[in-house]
Amino acid sequence: MQIVSEEKRRIEKMISAYEQELLSLPKGSLVSKTVKSKQYYYLQYREGKKTVSSYVGDAGKADSYRERVNRRKHIEAMLKMLRSEYAQARKLTGE
Protein backbone atom coordinates (compact mmCIF):
# COMPACT_ATOMS: atom_id res chain seq x y z
CA MET A 1 0.00 0.00 0.00
CA GLN A 2 2.89 2.33 0.75
CA ILE A 3 4.29 1.80 -2.75
CA VAL A 4 0.94 2.72 -4.29
CA SER A 5 0.80 5.89 -2.18
CA GLU A 6 4.32 6.86 -3.25
CA GLU A 7 3.42 6.22 -6.88
CA LYS A 8 0.29 8.36 -6.51
CA ARG A 9 2.38 11.26 -5.16
CA ARG A 10 4.89 10.84 -8.01
CA ILE A 11 2.06 10.93 -10.55
CA GLU A 12 0.62 14.08 -8.93
CA LYS A 13 4.01 15.81 -9.26
CA MET A 14 4.36 14.74 -12.89
CA ILE A 15 0.85 15.93 -13.76
CA SER A 16 1.55 19.29 -12.14
CA ALA A 17 4.87 19.69 -13.99
CA TYR A 18 3.32 18.76 -17.34
CA GLU A 19 0.40 21.15 -16.84
CA GLN A 20 2.85 23.99 -16.11
CA GLU A 21 4.82 23.20 -19.26
CA LEU A 22 1.61 23.18 -21.34
CA LEU A 23 1.01 26.82 -20.40
CA SER A 24 4.15 27.84 -22.31
CA LEU A 25 3.46 25.78 -25.44
CA PRO A 26 1.32 26.90 -28.39
CA LYS A 27 -2.02 25.20 -28.90
CA GLY A 28 -3.41 24.24 -32.29
CA SER A 29 -1.59 23.10 -35.38
CA LEU A 30 0.80 24.57 -37.89
CA VAL A 31 -0.49 25.08 -41.44
CA SER A 32 1.16 26.46 -44.52
CA LYS A 33 -0.49 28.52 -47.21
CA THR A 34 0.93 29.23 -50.63
CA VAL A 35 0.28 32.67 -52.09
CA LYS A 36 1.90 33.60 -55.40
CA SER A 37 4.39 30.69 -55.06
CA LYS A 38 5.53 31.85 -51.60
CA GLN A 39 5.06 29.73 -48.50
CA TYR A 40 3.46 31.36 -45.43
CA TYR A 41 3.07 29.57 -42.08
CA TYR A 42 0.23 30.06 -39.61
CA LEU A 43 -0.68 28.64 -36.24
CA GLN A 44 -4.37 27.67 -36.24
CA TYR A 45 -6.38 27.05 -33.09
CA ARG A 46 -9.90 27.47 -31.81
CA GLU A 47 -11.22 30.08 -29.41
CA GLY A 48 -14.72 28.94 -28.61
CA LYS A 49 -16.47 28.38 -31.91
CA LYS A 50 -14.07 30.59 -33.85
CA THR A 51 -10.94 29.36 -35.68
CA VAL A 52 -8.02 31.74 -35.24
CA SER A 53 -4.96 31.89 -37.52
CA SER A 54 -1.88 33.76 -36.38
CA TYR A 55 1.09 34.36 -38.65
CA VAL A 56 4.24 32.48 -37.61
CA GLY A 57 6.84 33.48 -40.17
CA ASP A 58 9.23 31.74 -42.51
CA ALA A 59 10.26 28.07 -42.62
CA GLY A 60 12.87 28.51 -39.87
CA LYS A 61 10.36 29.85 -37.37
CA ALA A 62 7.81 27.30 -38.53
CA ASP A 63 10.19 24.45 -37.63
CA SER A 64 10.53 25.85 -34.12
CA TYR A 65 6.74 26.07 -33.78
CA ARG A 66 6.33 22.58 -35.23
CA GLU A 67 8.63 21.15 -32.54
CA ARG A 68 6.73 22.99 -29.80
CA VAL A 69 3.32 21.87 -31.17
CA ASN A 70 4.56 18.27 -31.33
CA ARG A 71 5.85 18.57 -27.75
CA ARG A 72 2.40 19.79 -26.68
CA LYS A 73 0.70 16.81 -28.34
CA HIS A 74 3.14 14.45 -26.63
CA ILE A 75 2.52 16.03 -23.22
CA GLU A 76 -1.26 15.88 -23.71
CA ALA A 77 -0.97 12.14 -24.45
CA MET A 78 1.22 11.66 -21.36
CA LEU A 79 -1.27 13.58 -19.20
CA LYS A 80 -4.12 11.39 -20.40
CA MET A 81 -2.17 8.27 -19.45
CA LEU A 82 -1.06 9.72 -16.09
CA ARG A 83 -4.59 10.75 -15.15
CA SER A 84 -5.77 7.21 -15.84
CA GLU A 85 -2.98 5.79 -13.66
CA TYR A 86 -3.79 8.34 -10.95
CA ALA A 87 -7.43 7.23 -10.92
CA GLN A 88 -6.33 3.62 -10.53
CA ALA A 89 -3.97 4.54 -7.68
CA ARG A 90 -6.79 6.40 -5.92
CA LYS A 91 -9.04 3.36 -6.17
CA LEU A 92 -6.33 1.14 -4.73
CA THR A 93 -5.71 3.47 -1.80
CA GLY A 94 -9.42 3.82 -1.14
CA GLU A 95 -9.75 7.53 -1.86
C-alpha atoms as a PDB file:
ATOM      1  CA  MET A   1       0.000   0.000   0.000  1.00  0.00           C
ATOM      2  CA  GLN A   2       2.894   2.334   0.746  1.00  0.00           C
ATOM      3  CA  ILE A   3       4.294   1.800  -2.745  1.00  0.00           C
ATOM      4  CA  VAL A   4       0.942   2.721  -4.294  1.00  0.00           C
ATOM      5  CA  SER A   5       0.797   5.891  -2.179  1.00  0.00           C
ATOM      6  CA  GLU A   6       4.316   6.861  -3.246  1.00  0.00           C
ATOM      7  CA  GLU A   7       3.422   6.223  -6.877  1.00  0.00           C
ATOM      8  CA  LYS A   8       0.290   8.363  -6.509  1.00  0.00           C
ATOM      9  CA  ARG A   9       2.376  11.263  -5.159  1.00  0.00           C
ATOM     10  CA  ARG A  10       4.885  10.840  -8.008  1.00  0.00           C
ATOM     11  CA  ILE A  11       2.060  10.930 -10.553  1.00  0.00           C
ATOM     12  CA  GLU A  12       0.622  14.083  -8.928  1.00  0.00           C
ATOM     13  CA  LYS A  13       4.009  15.813  -9.262  1.00  0.00           C
ATOM     14  CA  MET A  14       4.361  14.743 -12.892  1.00  0.00           C
ATOM     15  CA  ILE A  15       0.847  15.931 -13.755  1.00  0.00           C
ATOM     16  CA  SER A  16       1.547  19.293 -12.141  1.00  0.00           C
ATOM     17  CA  ALA A  17       4.868  19.691 -13.988  1.00  0.00           C
ATOM     18  CA  TYR A  18       3.323  18.757 -17.343  1.00  0.00           C
ATOM     19  CA  GLU A  19       0.403  21.149 -16.841  1.00  0.00           C
ATOM     20  CA  GLN A  20       2.845  23.991 -16.108  1.00  0.00           C
ATOM     21  CA  GLU A  21       4.817  23.200 -19.262  1.00  0.00           C
ATOM     22  CA  LEU A  22       1.607  23.182 -21.336  1.00  0.00           C
ATOM     23  CA  LEU A  23       1.011  26.817 -20.397  1.00  0.00           C
ATOM     24  CA  SER A  24       4.148  27.839 -22.308  1.00  0.00           C
ATOM     25  CA  LEU A  25       3.458  25.777 -25.438  1.00  0.00           C
ATOM     26  CA  PRO A  26       1.320  26.898 -28.386  1.00  0.00           C
ATOM     27  CA  LYS A  27      -2.021  25.200 -28.903  1.00  0.00           C
ATOM     28  CA  GLY A  28      -3.406  24.244 -32.288  1.00  0.00           C
ATOM     29  CA  SER A  29      -1.591  23.101 -35.384  1.00  0.00           C
ATOM     30  CA  LEU A  30       0.799  24.572 -37.885  1.00  0.00           C
ATOM     31  CA  VAL A  31      -0.488  25.076 -41.436  1.00  0.00           C
ATOM     32  CA  SER A  32       1.161  26.457 -44.523  1.00  0.00           C
ATOM     33  CA  LYS A  33      -0.490  28.515 -47.208  1.00  0.00           C
ATOM     34  CA  THR A  34       0.933  29.226 -50.630  1.00  0.00           C
ATOM     35  CA  VAL A  35       0.281  32.667 -52.087  1.00  0.00           C
ATOM     36  CA  LYS A  36       1.904  33.602 -55.401  1.00  0.00           C
ATOM     37  CA  SER A  37       4.388  30.694 -55.064  1.00  0.00           C
ATOM     38  CA  LYS A  38       5.529  31.853 -51.598  1.00  0.00           C
ATOM     39  CA  GLN A  39       5.055  29.728 -48.502  1.00  0.00           C
ATOM     40  CA  TYR A  40       3.463  31.362 -45.430  1.00  0.00           C
ATOM     41  CA  TYR A  41       3.073  29.571 -42.085  1.00  0.00           C
ATOM     42  CA  TYR A  42       0.235  30.057 -39.605  1.00  0.00           C
ATOM     43  CA  LEU A  43      -0.676  28.637 -36.243  1.00  0.00           C
ATOM     44  CA  GLN A  44      -4.369  27.669 -36.241  1.00  0.00           C
ATOM     45  CA  TYR A  45      -6.376  27.053 -33.092  1.00  0.00           C
ATOM     46  CA  ARG A  46      -9.903  27.466 -31.805  1.00  0.00           C
ATOM     47  CA  GLU A  47     -11.220  30.076 -29.412  1.00  0.00           C
ATOM     48  CA  GLY A  48     -14.719  28.941 -28.609  1.00  0.00           C
ATOM     49  CA  LYS A  49     -16.472  28.378 -31.914  1.00  0.00           C
ATOM     50  CA  LYS A  50     -14.070  30.594 -33.846  1.00  0.00           C
ATOM     51  CA  THR A  51     -10.937  29.358 -35.678  1.00  0.00           C
ATOM     52  CA  VAL A  52      -8.018  31.739 -35.240  1.00  0.00           C
ATOM     53  CA  SER A  53      -4.962  31.890 -37.518  1.00  0.00           C
ATOM     54  CA  SER A  54      -1.878  33.755 -36.377  1.00  0.00           C
ATOM     55  CA  TYR A  55       1.090  34.356 -38.647  1.00  0.00           C
ATOM     56  CA  VAL A  56       4.240  32.481 -37.606  1.00  0.00           C
ATOM     57  CA  GLY A  57       6.835  33.476 -40.167  1.00  0.00           C
ATOM     58  CA  ASP A  58       9.233  31.736 -42.511  1.00  0.00           C
ATOM     59  CA  ALA A  59      10.263  28.067 -42.616  1.00  0.00           C
ATOM     60  CA  GLY A  60      12.866  28.509 -39.866  1.00  0.00           C
ATOM     61  CA  LYS A  61      10.364  29.849 -37.365  1.00  0.00           C
ATOM     62  CA  ALA A  62       7.812  27.297 -38.533  1.00  0.00           C
ATOM     63  CA  ASP A  63      10.194  24.454 -37.634  1.00  0.00           C
ATOM     64  CA  SER A  64      10.534  25.854 -34.120  1.00  0.00           C
ATOM     65  CA  TYR A  65       6.744  26.071 -33.775  1.00  0.00           C
ATOM     66  CA  ARG A  66       6.328  22.578 -35.231  1.00  0.00           C
ATOM     67  CA  GLU A  67       8.631  21.154 -32.544  1.00  0.00           C
ATOM     68  CA  ARG A  68       6.727  22.985 -29.804  1.00  0.00           C
ATOM     69  CA  VAL A  69       3.321  21.873 -31.172  1.00  0.00           C
ATOM     70  CA  ASN A  70       4.557  18.265 -31.328  1.00  0.00           C
ATOM     71  CA  ARG A  71       5.846  18.570 -27.750  1.00  0.00           C
ATOM     72  CA  ARG A  72       2.396  19.788 -26.680  1.00  0.00           C
ATOM     73  CA  LYS A  73       0.699  16.812 -28.335  1.00  0.00           C
ATOM     74  CA  HIS A  74       3.142  14.448 -26.633  1.00  0.00           C
ATOM     75  CA  ILE A  75       2.516  16.035 -23.222  1.00  0.00           C
ATOM     76  CA  GLU A  76      -1.256  15.884 -23.709  1.00  0.00           C
ATOM     77  CA  ALA A  77      -0.972  12.140 -24.446  1.00  0.00           C
ATOM     78  CA  MET A  78       1.216  11.660 -21.362  1.00  0.00           C
ATOM     79  CA  LEU A  79      -1.272  13.579 -19.198  1.00  0.00           C
ATOM     80  CA  LYS A  80      -4.118  11.385 -20.403  1.00  0.00           C
ATOM     81  CA  MET A  81      -2.169   8.266 -19.446  1.00  0.00           C
ATOM     82  CA  LEU A  82      -1.056   9.720 -16.086  1.00  0.00           C
ATOM     83  CA  ARG A  83      -4.594  10.748 -15.146  1.00  0.00           C
ATOM     84  CA  SER A  84      -5.765   7.211 -15.843  1.00  0.00           C
ATOM     85  CA  GLU A  85      -2.977   5.788 -13.658  1.00  0.00           C
ATOM     86  CA  TYR A  86      -3.790   8.340 -10.950  1.00  0.00           C
ATOM     87  CA  ALA A  87      -7.433   7.230 -10.925  1.00  0.00           C
ATOM     88  CA  GLN A  88      -6.334   3.624 -10.532  1.00  0.00           C
ATOM     89  CA  ALA A  89      -3.972   4.541  -7.681  1.00  0.00           C
ATOM     90  CA  ARG A  90      -6.785   6.399  -5.918  1.00  0.00           C
ATOM     91  CA  LYS A  91      -9.035   3.356  -6.167  1.00  0.00           C
ATOM     92  CA  LEU A  92      -6.329   1.136  -4.734  1.00  0.00           C
ATOM     93  CA  THR A  93      -5.708   3.466  -1.797  1.00  0.00           C
ATOM     94  CA  GLY A  94      -9.421   3.818  -1.138  1.00  0.00           C
ATOM     95  CA  GLU A  95      -9.749   7.531  -1.859  1.00  0.00           C
END
